[in-house]
Amino acid sequence: MTDEDWAKGYVRCLGVRLAGHAIEEKDPKGKPLLDETFLMLLNAHHEPRPFTLPAHKRGVRWQRVLDTAVTQAKEKQITLLRGGSQYDLEARSLAVLRLRPK
């Protein structure tokens, strides 16, 4: 992505999925390394932006781990979100979600 691309209003947000099951390395005993799957959402725009959560197999949901725009009172609420649902990310904020079994 170039500086010119980033200056365009419609590209001031980014989502990155870190797939823990897709690690190609192995441990010293030759067993595959596995980890949890995370989704990192970044909104550098001055307005809130909706993100559509990736849809996975049935029975799994996305759980918010961190959202820089969420207060401590709301942070205590554990909400599991379905893939395909919308996550509204506030302006100039970052969120991290973890893929969890239902």
N, C-alpha and C. Protein backbone atom coordinates (compact mmCIF):
# COMPACT_ATOMS: atom_id res chain seq x y z
N MET A 1 0.85 -1.17 0.00
CA MET A 1 0.00 0.00 0.00
C MET A 1 0.90 1.24 0.00
N THR A 2 0.62 2.15 -0.89
CA THR A 2 1.44 3.35 -1.00
C THR A 2 0.90 4.48 -0.11
N ASP A 3 1.70 5.52 0.07
CA ASP A 3 1.23 6.70 0.82
C ASP A 3 0.01 7.31 0.13
N GLU A 4 0.02 7.30 -1.19
CA GLU A 4 -1.11 7.84 -1.95
C GLU A 4 -2.38 7.04 -1.68
N ASP A 5 -2.26 5.70 -1.64
CA ASP A 5 -3.42 4.85 -1.34
C ASP A 5 -3.96 5.14 0.06
N TRP A 6 -3.07 5.27 1.03
CA TRP A 6 -3.50 5.48 2.42
C TRP A 6 -4.19 6.83 2.59
N ALA A 7 -3.87 7.81 1.73
CA ALA A 7 -4.46 9.15 1.82
C ALA A 7 -5.91 9.17 1.34
N LYS A 8 -6.35 8.13 0.64
CA LYS A 8 -7.73 8.06 0.18
C LYS A 8 -8.64 7.69 1.35
N GLY A 9 -9.76 8.40 1.48
CA GLY A 9 -10.65 8.21 2.61
C GLY A 9 -11.19 6.82 2.79
N TYR A 10 -11.41 6.12 1.69
CA TYR A 10 -12.04 4.81 1.79
C TYR A 10 -11.07 3.69 2.16
N VAL A 11 -9.80 3.97 2.28
CA VAL A 11 -8.85 2.92 2.66
C VAL A 11 -8.16 3.22 3.99
N ARG A 12 -8.82 3.90 4.87
CA ARG A 12 -8.23 4.21 6.16
C ARG A 12 -8.62 3.20 7.23
N CYS A 13 -8.95 2.02 6.80
CA CYS A 13 -9.24 0.95 7.74
C CYS A 13 -8.64 -0.34 7.19
N LEU A 14 -8.33 -1.24 8.12
CA LEU A 14 -7.62 -2.45 7.75
C LEU A 14 -8.03 -3.59 8.68
N GLY A 15 -8.20 -4.76 8.14
CA GLY A 15 -8.48 -5.95 8.92
C GLY A 15 -7.47 -7.02 8.58
N VAL A 16 -6.91 -7.67 9.60
CA VAL A 16 -5.91 -8.72 9.40
C VAL A 16 -6.32 -9.95 10.21
N ARG A 17 -6.45 -11.08 9.54
CA ARG A 17 -6.77 -12.35 10.21
C ARG A 17 -5.49 -13.14 10.38
N LEU A 18 -5.20 -13.52 11.61
CA LEU A 18 -4.01 -14.31 11.93
C LEU A 18 -4.47 -15.72 12.24
N ALA A 19 -4.33 -16.61 11.29
CA ALA A 19 -4.86 -17.97 11.39
C ALA A 19 -3.89 -18.88 12.13
N GLY A 20 -4.19 -19.21 13.36
CA GLY A 20 -3.34 -20.05 14.18
C GLY A 20 -3.21 -21.47 13.69
N HIS A 21 -4.19 -21.96 12.94
CA HIS A 21 -4.14 -23.32 12.42
C HIS A 21 -3.31 -23.41 11.13
N ALA A 22 -2.91 -22.28 10.59
CA ALA A 22 -2.19 -22.27 9.31
C ALA A 22 -0.68 -22.08 9.47
N ILE A 23 -0.18 -22.22 10.69
CA ILE A 23 1.26 -22.10 10.92
C ILE A 23 1.93 -23.32 10.30
N GLU A 24 2.93 -23.08 9.48
CA GLU A 24 3.58 -24.20 8.78
C GLU A 24 4.78 -24.77 9.53
N GLU A 25 5.18 -24.14 10.62
CA GLU A 25 6.34 -24.63 11.38
C GLU A 25 5.95 -25.81 12.26
N LYS A 26 6.97 -26.56 12.67
CA LYS A 26 6.77 -27.70 13.56
C LYS A 26 7.64 -27.53 14.80
N ASP A 27 7.22 -28.18 15.88
CA ASP A 27 8.01 -28.11 17.11
C ASP A 27 9.22 -29.06 16.99
N PRO A 28 10.11 -29.10 17.99
CA PRO A 28 11.30 -29.96 17.89
C PRO A 28 10.99 -31.44 17.71
N LYS A 29 9.77 -31.88 18.08
CA LYS A 29 9.39 -33.28 17.91
C LYS A 29 8.69 -33.54 16.59
N GLY A 30 8.59 -32.52 15.76
CA GLY A 30 7.98 -32.67 14.44
C GLY A 30 6.47 -32.49 14.41
N LYS A 31 5.88 -32.11 15.55
CA LYS A 31 4.43 -31.90 15.58
C LYS A 31 4.11 -30.49 15.09
N PRO A 32 3.00 -30.33 14.37
CA PRO A 32 2.63 -28.99 13.88
C PRO A 32 2.37 -28.03 15.04
N LEU A 33 2.82 -26.80 14.87
CA LEU A 33 2.52 -25.75 15.84
C LEU A 33 1.15 -25.19 15.54
N LEU A 34 0.30 -25.09 16.55
CA LEU A 34 -1.04 -24.55 16.39
C LEU A 34 -1.25 -23.45 17.41
N ASP A 35 -2.07 -22.48 17.05
CA ASP A 35 -2.40 -21.40 17.97
C ASP A 35 -3.84 -20.98 17.69
N GLU A 36 -4.32 -20.03 18.46
CA GLU A 36 -5.67 -19.52 18.24
C GLU A 36 -5.68 -18.59 17.03
N THR A 37 -6.86 -18.36 16.49
CA THR A 37 -7.02 -17.46 15.36
C THR A 37 -7.53 -16.12 15.88
N PHE A 38 -6.86 -15.05 15.45
CA PHE A 38 -7.22 -13.69 15.87
C PHE A 38 -7.57 -12.84 14.66
N LEU A 39 -8.35 -11.81 14.90
CA LEU A 39 -8.70 -10.83 13.89
C LEU A 39 -8.37 -9.45 14.45
N MET A 40 -7.52 -8.72 13.75
CA MET A 40 -7.15 -7.37 14.19
C MET A 40 -7.80 -6.37 13.24
N LEU A 41 -8.54 -5.43 13.80
CA LEU A 41 -9.23 -4.41 13.02
C LEU A 41 -8.69 -3.04 13.39
N LEU A 42 -8.37 -2.23 12.41
CA LEU A 42 -7.81 -0.90 12.63
C LEU A 42 -8.61 0.11 11.83
N ASN A 43 -9.08 1.16 12.50
CA ASN A 43 -9.80 2.23 11.83
C ASN A 43 -9.07 3.55 12.09
N ALA A 44 -8.37 4.05 11.09
CA ALA A 44 -7.65 5.31 11.19
C ALA A 44 -8.49 6.49 10.70
N HIS A 45 -9.71 6.21 10.28
CA HIS A 45 -10.59 7.26 9.76
C HIS A 45 -11.21 8.04 10.91
N HIS A 46 -11.71 9.25 10.62
CA HIS A 46 -12.31 10.08 11.67
C HIS A 46 -13.78 9.75 11.93
N GLU A 47 -14.31 8.77 11.21
CA GLU A 47 -15.68 8.32 11.42
C GLU A 47 -15.69 6.82 11.72
N PRO A 48 -16.71 6.33 12.42
CA PRO A 48 -16.81 4.88 12.65
C PRO A 48 -16.92 4.14 11.32
N ARG A 49 -16.45 2.90 11.31
CA ARG A 49 -16.51 2.07 10.11
C ARG A 49 -16.99 0.67 10.49
N PRO A 50 -17.90 0.10 9.69
CA PRO A 50 -18.34 -1.27 9.94
C PRO A 50 -17.38 -2.27 9.28
N PHE A 51 -17.13 -3.36 9.97
CA PHE A 51 -16.35 -4.48 9.44
C PHE A 51 -17.25 -5.71 9.44
N THR A 52 -17.24 -6.46 8.37
CA THR A 52 -17.95 -7.74 8.33
C THR A 52 -17.00 -8.82 8.81
N LEU A 53 -17.40 -9.53 9.86
CA LEU A 53 -16.53 -10.55 10.45
C LEU A 53 -16.46 -11.78 9.53
N PRO A 54 -15.28 -12.36 9.38
CA PRO A 54 -15.16 -13.55 8.54
C PRO A 54 -16.05 -14.68 9.04
N ALA A 55 -16.68 -15.36 8.11
CA ALA A 55 -17.52 -16.51 8.45
C ALA A 55 -16.67 -17.77 8.42
N HIS A 56 -16.82 -18.60 9.43
CA HIS A 56 -16.07 -19.84 9.55
C HIS A 56 -17.06 -20.99 9.70
N LYS A 57 -16.57 -22.11 10.14
CA LYS A 57 -17.44 -23.28 10.35
C LYS A 57 -18.54 -22.95 11.36
N ARG A 58 -19.61 -23.73 11.29
CA ARG A 58 -20.68 -23.58 12.29
C ARG A 58 -20.12 -23.86 13.67
N GLY A 59 -20.71 -23.20 14.65
CA GLY A 59 -20.33 -23.47 16.02
C GLY A 59 -19.14 -22.67 16.52
N VAL A 60 -18.63 -21.74 15.74
CA VAL A 60 -17.56 -20.89 16.21
C VAL A 60 -18.03 -19.44 16.15
N ARG A 61 -17.52 -18.64 17.05
CA ARG A 61 -17.90 -17.24 17.14
C ARG A 61 -16.65 -16.38 17.37
N TRP A 62 -16.77 -15.10 17.14
CA TRP A 62 -15.71 -14.14 17.41
C TRP A 62 -15.96 -13.50 18.76
N GLN A 63 -14.93 -13.43 19.60
CA GLN A 63 -15.02 -12.82 20.92
C GLN A 63 -14.07 -11.63 20.98
N ARG A 64 -14.59 -10.50 21.45
CA ARG A 64 -13.75 -9.32 21.58
C ARG A 64 -12.74 -9.53 22.70
N VAL A 65 -11.48 -9.32 22.39
CA VAL A 65 -10.40 -9.39 23.37
C VAL A 65 -10.02 -7.97 23.80
N LEU A 66 -10.02 -7.07 22.81
CA LEU A 66 -9.60 -5.69 23.06
C LEU A 66 -10.30 -4.77 22.07
N ASP A 67 -10.75 -3.64 22.54
CA ASP A 67 -11.25 -2.57 21.68
C ASP A 67 -10.89 -1.27 22.38
N THR A 68 -10.04 -0.47 21.76
CA THR A 68 -9.55 0.74 22.41
C THR A 68 -10.64 1.78 22.62
N ALA A 69 -11.79 1.64 21.98
CA ALA A 69 -12.88 2.59 22.14
C ALA A 69 -13.93 2.14 23.15
N VAL A 70 -13.76 0.96 23.74
CA VAL A 70 -14.75 0.41 24.67
C VAL A 70 -14.36 0.73 26.11
N THR A 71 -15.33 1.20 26.87
CA THR A 71 -15.09 1.52 28.28
C THR A 71 -14.95 0.23 29.09
N GLN A 72 -14.44 0.37 30.32
CA GLN A 72 -14.26 -0.81 31.17
C GLN A 72 -15.58 -1.48 31.50
N ALA A 73 -16.64 -0.71 31.68
CA ALA A 73 -17.95 -1.30 31.99
C ALA A 73 -18.42 -2.18 30.85
N LYS A 74 -18.28 -1.72 29.63
CA LYS A 74 -18.69 -2.52 28.47
C LYS A 74 -17.71 -3.65 28.20
N GLU A 75 -16.45 -3.46 28.57
CA GLU A 75 -15.42 -4.48 28.34
C GLU A 75 -15.76 -5.78 29.08
N LYS A 76 -16.42 -5.66 30.22
CA LYS A 76 -16.76 -6.84 31.01
C LYS A 76 -17.84 -7.68 30.35
N GLN A 77 -18.61 -7.09 29.44
CA GLN A 77 -19.64 -7.83 28.73
C GLN A 77 -18.97 -8.73 27.69
N ILE A 78 -19.15 -10.03 27.84
CA ILE A 78 -18.57 -10.97 26.89
C ILE A 78 -19.63 -11.29 25.85
N THR A 79 -19.37 -10.86 24.64
CA THR A 79 -20.30 -11.08 23.55
C THR A 79 -19.63 -11.94 22.50
N LEU A 80 -20.31 -12.98 22.08
CA LEU A 80 -19.81 -13.82 21.00
C LEU A 80 -20.57 -13.44 19.73
N LEU A 81 -19.84 -13.10 18.69
CA LEU A 81 -20.42 -12.62 17.45
C LEU A 81 -20.28 -13.65 16.35
N ARG A 82 -21.31 -13.82 15.56
CA ARG A 82 -21.29 -14.78 14.45
C ARG A 82 -20.48 -14.24 13.28
N GLY A 83 -19.86 -15.15 12.55
CA GLY A 83 -19.22 -14.77 11.30
C GLY A 83 -20.27 -14.23 10.35
N GLY A 84 -19.92 -13.21 9.59
CA GLY A 84 -20.87 -12.57 8.70
C GLY A 84 -21.59 -11.40 9.33
N SER A 85 -21.53 -11.30 10.68
CA SER A 85 -22.16 -10.16 11.34
C SER A 85 -21.24 -8.95 11.26
N GLN A 86 -21.78 -7.82 11.60
CA GLN A 86 -21.05 -6.57 11.48
C GLN A 86 -20.47 -6.14 12.83
N TYR A 87 -19.22 -5.68 12.81
CA TYR A 87 -18.59 -5.12 13.99
C TYR A 87 -18.33 -3.65 13.69
N ASP A 88 -18.98 -2.77 14.44
CA ASP A 88 -18.81 -1.33 14.23
C ASP A 88 -17.63 -0.84 15.03
N LEU A 89 -16.59 -0.43 14.32
CA LEU A 89 -15.36 0.04 14.97
C LEU A 89 -15.37 1.55 14.99
N GLU A 90 -15.22 2.11 16.18
CA GLU A 90 -15.24 3.56 16.34
C GLU A 90 -14.07 4.21 15.60
N ALA A 91 -14.17 5.51 15.43
CA ALA A 91 -13.13 6.28 14.75
C ALA A 91 -11.81 6.18 15.50
N ARG A 92 -10.73 6.08 14.74
CA ARG A 92 -9.37 6.07 15.27
C ARG A 92 -9.21 5.08 16.44
N SER A 93 -9.57 3.85 16.18
CA SER A 93 -9.48 2.83 17.22
C SER A 93 -9.01 1.50 16.64
N LEU A 94 -8.72 0.58 17.55
CA LEU A 94 -8.20 -0.74 17.21
C LEU A 94 -8.98 -1.78 18.00
N ALA A 95 -9.29 -2.90 17.35
CA ALA A 95 -9.96 -4.00 18.04
C ALA A 95 -9.26 -5.30 17.69
N VAL A 96 -9.23 -6.22 18.66
CA VAL A 96 -8.71 -7.56 18.45
C VAL A 96 -9.80 -8.54 18.89
N LEU A 97 -10.13 -9.47 18.01
CA LEU A 97 -11.12 -10.50 18.31
C LEU A 97 -10.47 -11.86 18.17
N ARG A 98 -11.00 -12.83 18.92
CA ARG A 98 -10.46 -14.20 18.92
C ARG A 98 -11.57 -15.16 18.48
N LEU A 99 -11.22 -16.11 17.66
CA LEU A 99 -12.17 -17.11 17.22
C LEU A 99 -12.34 -18.14 18.33
N ARG A 100 -13.60 -18.34 18.76
CA ARG A 100 -13.89 -19.24 19.88
C ARG A 100 -14.93 -20.27 19.49
N PRO A 101 -14.86 -21.46 20.11
CA PRO A 101 -15.95 -22.42 19.92
C PRO A 101 -17.22 -21.87 20.56
N LYS A 102 -18.35 -22.22 20.03
CA LYS A 102 -19.65 -21.72 20.52
C LYS A 102 -19.92 -22.14 21.94
